[in-house]
């Protein structure tokens, strides 16, 4: 199994979260999963999508998340993988979460439910072999005011066929709390 890593700049947790975080000295970091991934494939070529936290989100560390790598190039068929990180699992821009679009509707069939707000989206690097895994690194500043900050994550994939989006599949949600 191939592993690809994309190291991103410090996530905007400091910008978004410092205003929301509840300061709780000595609080341990946690990460858990909620909701379910799409139960059916939106198309025969849809790739399953699921993310996994590789460690706990602690201040002053790099929080790592793993998900299937995107495959390409997109000349005919490809699955692009994304990881979204948000600060709400109840609403996003006036839309109540979870939000479940009708499956198999036009113009783009969507399977699963949107469980988290789309505040930050990372693209999973492209793998060269089937089954390749990508890792996304999120830098958490060493700032005690971030202790107790809750964030939510969800992986999703878009299948492209001949240059057009063919389907979208949404994975389970993840709930992290930054701590020590």
C-alpha atoms as a PDB file:
ATOM      1  CA  UNK A   1       0.000   0.000   0.000  1.00  0.00           C
ATOM      2  CA  UNK A   2       1.436   3.362  -1.003  1.00  0.00           C
ATOM      3  CA  UNK A   3       1.248   6.349   1.363  1.00  0.00           C
ATOM      4  CA  UNK A   4       1.319   9.929   0.132  1.00  0.00           C
ATOM      5  CA  UNK A   5       1.583  12.908   2.434  1.00  0.00           C
ATOM      6  CA  UNK A   6       0.516  16.472   1.834  1.00  0.00           C
ATOM      7  CA  UNK A   7       1.684  18.895   4.471  1.00  0.00           C
ATOM      8  CA  UNK A   8      -0.558  21.911   4.634  1.00  0.00           C
ATOM      9  CA  UNK A   9       0.130  25.274   6.149  1.00  0.00           C
ATOM     10  CA  UNK A  10      -1.146  25.772   9.649  1.00  0.00           C
ATOM     11  CA  UNK A  11      -4.862  25.215   9.434  1.00  0.00           C
ATOM     12  CA  UNK A  12      -6.940  28.241  10.178  1.00  0.00           C
ATOM     13  CA  UNK A  13      -7.873  26.819  13.553  1.00  0.00           C
ATOM     14  CA  UNK A  14      -6.328  29.809  15.260  1.00  0.00           C
ATOM     15  CA  UNK A  15      -8.382  32.217  13.164  1.00  0.00           C
ATOM     16  CA  UNK A  16     -11.697  30.358  13.412  1.00  0.00           C
ATOM     17  CA  UNK A  17     -11.338  28.663  16.726  1.00  0.00           C
ATOM     18  CA  UNK A  18      -9.811  31.131  19.110  1.00  0.00           C
ATOM     19  CA  UNK A  19     -13.135  32.919  19.242  1.00  0.00           C
ATOM     20  CA  UNK A  20     -15.071  29.683  19.844  1.00  0.00           C
ATOM     21  CA  UNK A  21     -12.757  27.663  22.090  1.00  0.00           C
ATOM     22  CA  UNK A  22     -13.567  27.139  25.732  1.00  0.00           C
ATOM     23  CA  UNK A  23     -10.345  27.351  27.696  1.00  0.00           C
ATOM     24  CA  UNK A  24     -10.020  24.203  29.770  1.00  0.00           C
ATOM     25  CA  UNK A  25      -6.567  23.666  31.250  1.00  0.00           C
ATOM     26  CA  UNK A  26      -5.574  20.020  31.409  1.00  0.00           C
ATOM     27  CA  UNK A  27      -8.235  18.794  28.981  1.00  0.00           C
ATOM     28  CA  UNK A  28      -7.195  15.715  26.988  1.00  0.00           C
ATOM     29  CA  UNK A  29      -7.390  15.623  23.194  1.00  0.00           C
ATOM     30  CA  UNK A  30     -10.066  13.344  21.716  1.00  0.00           C
ATOM     31  CA  UNK A  31     -11.213  12.115  18.304  1.00  0.00           C
ATOM     32  CA  UNK A  32     -14.277   9.982  17.532  1.00  0.00           C
ATOM     33  CA  UNK A  33     -16.486   9.106  14.563  1.00  0.00           C
ATOM     34  CA  UNK A  34     -20.191   9.701  13.982  1.00  0.00           C
ATOM     35  CA  UNK A  35     -22.771   9.162  11.257  1.00  0.00           C
ATOM     36  CA  UNK A  36     -22.432   6.659   8.467  1.00  0.00           C
ATOM     37  CA  UNK A  37     -20.815   6.677   5.069  1.00  0.00           C
ATOM     38  CA  UNK A  38     -22.879   6.352   1.900  1.00  0.00           C
ATOM     39  CA  UNK A  39     -24.329   2.829   1.882  1.00  0.00           C
ATOM     40  CA  UNK A  40     -24.530   2.556  -1.899  1.00  0.00           C
ATOM     41  CA  UNK A  41     -22.257   3.651  -4.673  1.00  0.00           C
ATOM     42  CA  UNK A  42     -23.604   6.533  -6.718  1.00  0.00           C
ATOM     43  CA  UNK A  43     -22.113   5.046  -9.854  1.00  0.00           C
ATOM     44  CA  UNK A  44     -20.388   1.772 -10.778  1.00  0.00           C
ATOM     45  CA  UNK A  45     -17.000   3.537 -10.701  1.00  0.00           C
ATOM     46  CA  UNK A  46     -17.410   5.375  -7.371  1.00  0.00           C
ATOM     47  CA  UNK A  47     -14.541   4.815  -4.964  1.00  0.00           C
ATOM     48  CA  UNK A  48     -15.358   4.254  -1.289  1.00  0.00           C
ATOM     49  CA  UNK A  49     -14.262   7.089   0.957  1.00  0.00           C
ATOM     50  CA  UNK A  50     -13.436   6.923   4.648  1.00  0.00           C
ATOM     51  CA  UNK A  51     -11.002   8.947   6.728  1.00  0.00           C
ATOM     52  CA  UNK A  52      -9.027   7.833   9.764  1.00  0.00           C
ATOM     53  CA  UNK A  53      -7.324   9.995  12.391  1.00  0.00           C
ATOM     54  CA  UNK A  54      -3.780   8.696  12.884  1.00  0.00           C
ATOM     55  CA  UNK A  55      -3.182  10.544  16.165  1.00  0.00           C
ATOM     56  CA  UNK A  56      -4.949  12.905  18.551  1.00  0.00           C
ATOM     57  CA  UNK A  57      -5.243  16.680  17.952  1.00  0.00           C
ATOM     58  CA  UNK A  58      -2.872  18.114  20.562  1.00  0.00           C
ATOM     59  CA  UNK A  59      -1.626  21.681  20.738  1.00  0.00           C
ATOM     60  CA  UNK A  60       1.841  22.170  19.276  1.00  0.00           C
ATOM     61  CA  UNK A  61       1.668  19.002  17.154  1.00  0.00           C
ATOM     62  CA  UNK A  62       0.830  17.860  13.654  1.00  0.00           C
ATOM     63  CA  UNK A  63      -2.559  16.139  13.494  1.00  0.00           C
ATOM     64  CA  UNK A  64      -2.574  13.483  10.753  1.00  0.00           C
ATOM     65  CA  UNK A  65      -5.606  12.198   8.860  1.00  0.00           C
ATOM     66  CA  UNK A  66      -5.496   9.361   6.323  1.00  0.00           C
ATOM     67  CA  UNK A  67      -7.910   8.740   3.449  1.00  0.00           C
ATOM     68  CA  UNK A  68      -7.793   7.033   0.051  1.00  0.00           C
ATOM     69  CA  UNK A  69      -5.582   8.884  -2.423  1.00  0.00           C
ATOM     70  CA  UNK A  70      -7.095  10.553  -5.450  1.00  0.00           C
ATOM     71  CA  UNK A  71      -6.339   8.707  -8.662  1.00  0.00           C
ATOM     72  CA  UNK A  72      -5.668  10.189 -12.027  1.00  0.00           C
ATOM     73  CA  UNK A  73      -4.877  11.661 -14.436  1.00  0.00           C
ATOM     74  CA  UNK A  74      -8.431  12.673 -15.257  1.00  0.00           C
ATOM     75  CA  UNK A  75      -8.315  12.157 -19.016  1.00  0.00           C
ATOM     76  CA  UNK A  76     -11.128   9.600 -18.888  1.00  0.00           C
ATOM     77  CA  UNK A  77     -12.058   8.444 -15.371  1.00  0.00           C
ATOM     78  CA  UNK A  78     -10.826   9.429 -11.937  1.00  0.00           C
ATOM     79  CA  UNK A  79     -11.896   9.668  -8.300  1.00  0.00           C
ATOM     80  CA  UNK A  80     -10.869  12.845  -6.498  1.00  0.00           C
ATOM     81  CA  UNK A  81     -10.779  12.680  -2.699  1.00  0.00           C
ATOM     82  CA  UNK A  82     -11.258  15.584  -0.314  1.00  0.00           C
ATOM     83  CA  UNK A  83     -11.282  16.140   3.442  1.00  0.00           C
ATOM     84  CA  UNK A  84     -13.349  18.953   4.878  1.00  0.00           C
ATOM     85  CA  UNK A  85     -12.763  20.421   8.325  1.00  0.00           C
ATOM     86  CA  UNK A  86     -15.431  22.572   9.913  1.00  0.00           C
ATOM     87  CA  UNK A  87     -16.425  24.042  13.227  1.00  0.00           C
ATOM     88  CA  UNK A  88     -20.072  22.955  13.247  1.00  0.00           C
ATOM     89  CA  UNK A  89     -22.061  19.772  12.854  1.00  0.00           C
ATOM     90  CA  UNK A  90     -25.427  21.485  13.270  1.00  0.00           C
ATOM     91  CA  UNK A  91     -25.543  24.074  10.457  1.00  0.00           C
ATOM     92  CA  UNK A  92     -23.608  25.556   7.553  1.00  0.00           C
ATOM     93  CA  UNK A  93     -24.571  28.875   5.964  1.00  0.00           C
ATOM     94  CA  UNK A  94     -28.183  28.555   7.095  1.00  0.00           C
ATOM     95  CA  UNK A  95     -28.561  24.887   6.109  1.00  0.00           C
ATOM     96  CA  UNK A  96     -29.297  22.438   8.938  1.00  0.00           C
ATOM     97  CA  UNK A  97     -26.859  19.527   9.251  1.00  0.00           C
ATOM     98  CA  UNK A  98     -26.951  16.679   8.565  1.00  0.00           C
ATOM     99  CA  UNK A  99     -28.099  17.582   5.076  1.00  0.00           C
ATOM    100  CA  UNK A 100     -29.121  14.710   2.817  1.00  0.00           C
ATOM    101  CA  UNK A 101     -29.550  15.539  -0.870  1.00  0.00           C
ATOM    102  CA  UNK A 102     -31.875  13.281  -2.794  1.00  0.00           C
ATOM    103  CA  UNK A 103     -29.854  10.351  -4.182  1.00  0.00           C
ATOM    104  CA  UNK A 104     -29.562   9.743  -7.902  1.00  0.00           C
ATOM    105  CA  UNK A 105     -30.854  13.176  -8.851  1.00  0.00           C
ATOM    106  CA  UNK A 106     -29.683  15.333 -11.705  1.00  0.00           C
ATOM    107  CA  UNK A 107     -27.420  16.979 -12.510  1.00  0.00           C
ATOM    108  CA  UNK A 108     -25.052  15.084 -10.133  1.00  0.00           C
ATOM    109  CA  UNK A 109     -26.044  12.004  -8.122  1.00  0.00           C
ATOM    110  CA  UNK A 110     -25.019  12.400  -4.470  1.00  0.00           C
ATOM    111  CA  UNK A 111     -24.873   9.583  -1.932  1.00  0.00           C
ATOM    112  CA  UNK A 112     -24.657  10.070   1.810  1.00  0.00           C
ATOM    113  CA  UNK A 113     -25.250  13.095   4.021  1.00  0.00           C
ATOM    114  CA  UNK A 114     -23.240  16.252   4.593  1.00  0.00           C
ATOM    115  CA  UNK A 115     -22.443  16.066   8.314  1.00  0.00           C
ATOM    116  CA  UNK A 116     -20.046  19.000   8.868  1.00  0.00           C
ATOM    117  CA  UNK A 117     -19.638  22.624   7.854  1.00  0.00           C
ATOM    118  CA  UNK A 118     -17.312  23.230   4.904  1.00  0.00           C
ATOM    119  CA  UNK A 119     -14.952  25.742   6.535  1.00  0.00           C
ATOM    120  CA  UNK A 120     -11.704  24.275   5.148  1.00  0.00           C
ATOM    121  CA  UNK A 121     -11.277  21.732   2.324  1.00  0.00           C
ATOM    122  CA  UNK A 122      -8.091  19.765   1.574  1.00  0.00           C
ATOM    123  CA  UNK A 123      -7.471  17.835  -1.650  1.00  0.00           C
ATOM    124  CA  UNK A 124      -5.980  14.368  -1.143  1.00  0.00           C
ATOM    125  CA  UNK A 125      -2.780  13.906  -3.168  1.00  0.00           C
ATOM    126  CA  UNK A 126      -2.899  11.699  -6.240  1.00  0.00           C
ATOM    127  CA  UNK A 127      -1.778   8.085  -5.921  1.00  0.00           C
ATOM    128  CA  UNK A 128      -0.241   6.108  -8.729  1.00  0.00           C
ATOM    129  CA  UNK A 129      -1.536   2.683  -7.741  1.00  0.00           C
ATOM    130  CA  UNK A 130      -4.889   1.277  -6.679  1.00  0.00           C
ATOM    131  CA  UNK A 131      -5.293   1.217  -2.921  1.00  0.00           C
ATOM    132  CA  UNK A 132      -2.877   4.099  -2.325  1.00  0.00           C
ATOM    133  CA  UNK A 133      -3.537   6.081   0.844  1.00  0.00           C
ATOM    134  CA  UNK A 134      -3.009   9.817   1.320  1.00  0.00           C
ATOM    135  CA  UNK A 135      -2.179  11.590   4.554  1.00  0.00           C
ATOM    136  CA  UNK A 136      -3.143  15.174   5.273  1.00  0.00           C
ATOM    137  CA  UNK A 137      -1.162  16.993   7.950  1.00  0.00           C
ATOM    138  CA  UNK A 138      -2.842  19.753   9.942  1.00  0.00           C
ATOM    139  CA  UNK A 139      -0.533  21.874  12.082  1.00  0.00           C
ATOM    140  CA  UNK A 140      -2.059  22.821  15.435  1.00  0.00           C
ATOM    141  CA  UNK A 141      -0.406  25.873  17.002  1.00  0.00           C
ATOM    142  CA  UNK A 142       1.021  25.641  20.515  1.00  0.00           C
ATOM    143  CA  UNK A 143      -1.641  27.956  21.921  1.00  0.00           C
ATOM    144  CA  UNK A 144      -3.427  27.047  25.149  1.00  0.00           C
ATOM    145  CA  UNK A 145      -6.513  29.052  24.135  1.00  0.00           C
ATOM    146  CA  UNK A 146      -7.189  26.278  21.559  1.00  0.00           C
ATOM    147  CA  UNK A 147      -7.607  23.647  24.280  1.00  0.00           C
ATOM    148  CA  UNK A 148     -11.221  22.521  24.229  1.00  0.00           C
ATOM    149  CA  UNK A 149     -11.858  23.637  20.635  1.00  0.00           C
ATOM    150  CA  UNK A 150     -14.191  21.215  18.847  1.00  0.00           C
ATOM    151  CA  UNK A 151     -13.878  20.598  15.122  1.00  0.00           C
ATOM    152  CA  UNK A 152     -15.539  18.219  12.691  1.00  0.00           C
ATOM    153  CA  UNK A 153     -14.247  16.409   9.604  1.00  0.00           C
ATOM    154  CA  UNK A 154     -15.705  14.446   6.706  1.00  0.00           C
ATOM    155  CA  UNK A 155     -14.143  12.866   3.630  1.00  0.00           C
ATOM    156  CA  UNK A 156     -15.887  12.884   0.271  1.00  0.00           C
ATOM    157  CA  UNK A 157     -15.114  11.800  -3.260  1.00  0.00           C
ATOM    158  CA  UNK A 158     -16.080  13.140  -6.662  1.00  0.00           C
ATOM    159  CA  UNK A 159     -16.009  10.800  -9.625  1.00  0.00           C
ATOM    160  CA  UNK A 160     -15.161  12.394 -12.964  1.00  0.00           C
ATOM    161  CA  UNK A 161     -15.930  10.683 -16.262  1.00  0.00           C
ATOM    162  CA  UNK A 162     -14.782  12.378 -19.461  1.00  0.00           C
ATOM    163  CA  UNK A 163     -14.157  15.662 -17.650  1.00  0.00           C
ATOM    164  CA  UNK A 164     -17.553  15.969 -15.926  1.00  0.00           C
ATOM    165  CA  UNK A 165     -18.575  15.228 -12.347  1.00  0.00           C
ATOM    166  CA  UNK A 166     -20.372  11.874 -12.456  1.00  0.00           C
ATOM    167  CA  UNK A 167     -21.184  11.430  -8.755  1.00  0.00           C
ATOM    168  CA  UNK A 168     -20.354  12.533  -5.209  1.00  0.00           C
ATOM    169  CA  UNK A 169     -20.102  10.188  -2.202  1.00  0.00           C
ATOM    170  CA  UNK A 170     -19.861  11.380   1.416  1.00  0.00           C
ATOM    171  CA  UNK A 171     -18.130   9.476   4.226  1.00  0.00           C
ATOM    172  CA  UNK A 172     -18.731   9.279   7.979  1.00  0.00           C
ATOM    173  CA  UNK A 173     -18.001  12.260  10.209  1.00  0.00           C
ATOM    174  CA  UNK A 174     -15.193  12.763  12.680  1.00  0.00           C
ATOM    175  CA  UNK A 175     -15.297  14.889  15.844  1.00  0.00           C
ATOM    176  CA  UNK A 176     -12.058  16.159  17.317  1.00  0.00           C
ATOM    177  CA  UNK A 177     -11.364  18.200  20.398  1.00  0.00           C
ATOM    178  CA  UNK A 178      -7.981  19.875  20.709  1.00  0.00           C
ATOM    179  CA  UNK A 179      -6.282  19.170  24.000  1.00  0.00           C
ATOM    180  CA  UNK A 180      -3.054  18.187  25.685  1.00  0.00           C
END
